[in-house]
Protein backbone atom coordinates (compact mmCIF):
# COMPACT_ATOMS: atom_id res chain seq x y z
CA MET A 1 22.13 5.45 -20.19
CA ALA A 2 20.78 2.81 -17.82
CA ASN A 3 17.40 1.13 -18.31
CA THR A 4 15.75 -0.18 -15.15
CA PHE A 5 12.42 -2.00 -15.00
CA LYS A 6 10.47 -1.34 -11.79
CA ILE A 7 7.14 -2.10 -10.16
CA LYS A 8 5.51 0.42 -7.83
CA THR A 9 2.61 -0.74 -5.66
CA LYS A 10 0.20 0.85 -3.22
CA ALA A 11 -2.39 -1.03 -1.19
CA ASP A 12 -5.60 0.30 0.36
CA ILE A 13 -5.88 3.53 -1.63
CA PRO A 14 -7.69 6.26 0.37
CA THR A 15 -10.51 8.55 -0.77
CA THR A 16 -8.07 11.46 -1.05
CA SER A 17 -5.52 11.81 -3.82
CA THR A 18 -2.33 9.97 -2.87
CA THR A 19 1.05 9.88 -4.61
CA LEU A 20 1.96 6.58 -6.19
CA TYR A 21 5.08 7.55 -8.12
CA THR A 22 7.32 10.57 -8.66
CA VAL A 23 9.84 10.51 -11.50
CA PRO A 24 13.35 10.92 -10.03
CA ALA A 25 15.79 13.65 -11.08
CA SER A 26 17.58 13.14 -14.41
CA THR A 27 15.15 10.36 -15.33
CA THR A 28 12.54 9.70 -17.98
CA SER A 29 10.02 7.00 -17.12
CA ILE A 30 7.81 4.97 -19.42
CA VAL A 31 4.63 3.51 -17.95
CA LEU A 32 4.31 0.00 -19.35
CA GLY A 33 1.23 -1.04 -17.42
CA MET A 34 -1.19 0.01 -14.72
CA VAL A 35 -3.51 -2.32 -12.78
CA LEU A 36 -6.30 -1.22 -10.43
CA THR A 37 -7.69 -4.02 -8.27
CA ASN A 38 -10.99 -3.81 -6.43
CA LYS A 39 -10.86 -5.91 -3.24
CA ALA A 40 -14.38 -4.98 -2.15
CA ALA A 41 -17.58 -6.97 -2.52
CA SER A 42 -19.20 -4.00 -4.32
CA ASN A 43 -18.31 -1.81 -7.29
CA ILE A 44 -15.99 1.17 -6.72
CA LYS A 45 -14.75 4.13 -8.74
CA ALA A 46 -11.13 5.12 -9.19
CA SER A 47 -9.36 8.21 -10.53
CA VAL A 48 -5.76 8.64 -11.69
CA TYR A 49 -4.04 12.00 -12.11
CA LEU A 50 -0.80 13.21 -13.68
CA GLU A 51 0.76 16.28 -12.09
CA SER A 52 3.32 17.74 -14.47
CA SER A 53 5.04 21.09 -14.49
CA THR A 54 7.91 20.11 -16.77
CA SER A 55 8.57 22.31 -19.77
CA ASP A 56 10.54 22.34 -22.97
CA ASN A 57 8.82 24.52 -25.58
CA GLU A 58 5.71 24.83 -23.40
CA THR A 59 4.82 24.09 -19.78
CA ASN A 60 2.78 20.96 -19.08
CA GLU A 61 -0.35 21.12 -16.96
CA ASN A 62 -1.94 18.74 -14.47
CA VAL A 63 -4.39 16.36 -16.15
CA THR A 64 -6.80 13.60 -15.24
CA LEU A 65 -5.94 10.26 -16.85
CA LEU A 66 -8.95 8.38 -15.46
CA HIS A 67 -11.97 9.95 -13.78
CA ASP A 68 -14.32 7.91 -11.62
CA VAL A 69 -13.73 4.79 -13.70
CA PRO A 70 -15.86 1.91 -12.41
CA VAL A 71 -13.96 -1.14 -11.20
CA PRO A 72 -16.31 -4.11 -10.69
CA GLN A 73 -16.35 -5.98 -7.38
CA ASN A 74 -13.50 -8.42 -6.79
CA SER A 75 -11.85 -7.70 -10.15
CA ALA A 76 -8.93 -5.88 -11.74
CA LEU A 77 -8.78 -3.25 -14.45
CA GLU A 78 -5.69 -3.08 -16.66
CA VAL A 79 -5.04 0.41 -17.99
CA PHE A 80 -2.81 1.45 -20.92
CA GLN A 81 -2.73 -2.10 -22.24
CA GLY A 82 -0.50 -1.99 -25.32
CA GLN A 83 0.10 1.74 -24.93
CA LYS A 84 2.90 3.73 -23.33
CA LEU A 85 2.87 6.86 -21.20
CA VAL A 86 6.08 8.91 -21.04
CA LEU A 87 6.79 10.77 -17.81
CA GLN A 88 9.49 13.38 -17.29
CA THR A 89 11.54 14.37 -14.26
CA THR A 90 9.35 15.50 -11.32
CA ASP A 91 6.09 14.26 -12.93
CA VAL A 92 3.80 12.70 -10.30
CA LEU A 93 1.14 9.99 -10.67
CA LYS A 94 -1.63 10.14 -8.07
CA VAL A 95 -4.64 7.92 -7.45
CA LYS A 96 -7.79 7.98 -5.33
CA CYS A 97 -10.84 5.78 -4.79
CA ASP A 98 -14.41 6.56 -3.78
CA THR A 99 -14.33 3.76 -1.18
CA ALA A 100 -11.46 3.79 1.32
CA SER A 101 -9.12 0.78 1.47
CA SER A 102 -10.88 -1.06 -1.37
CA LEU A 103 -8.37 -0.42 -4.15
CA ASP A 104 -4.84 -1.72 -4.73
CA PHE A 105 -2.69 -0.15 -7.44
CA LEU A 106 0.24 -1.52 -9.44
CA LEU A 107 2.43 0.40 -11.83
CA SER A 108 4.97 -1.20 -14.15
CA ILE A 109 7.60 1.25 -15.42
CA LEU A 110 10.89 1.53 -17.26
CA GLU A 111 13.22 4.21 -15.93
CA LEU A 112 15.81 5.70 -18.30
CA THR A 113 18.68 7.43 -16.53
């Protein structure tokens, strides 16, 4: 089993939900950190979603991880600090912002294959 640390980034998040990361086949991913950075001179709101249809004893459902969380002007918000989020094969993390091109997104993960 290989362990690979990765960073996934997306600049200028739009106002529509956009895919940031999809867990590859035969892989379990652990989210180690998530940073949302507001580049605008005014406050913005960001949302993060997990789309999951994986199943073992039950089938997962799509959920909202963050909903319209305020990110102050010219600052960054670190999410899941000290916590972990386990993602399974085909799970998808998506993000959107209420102000186009004002948000950058960084995801730090460990992939187990």
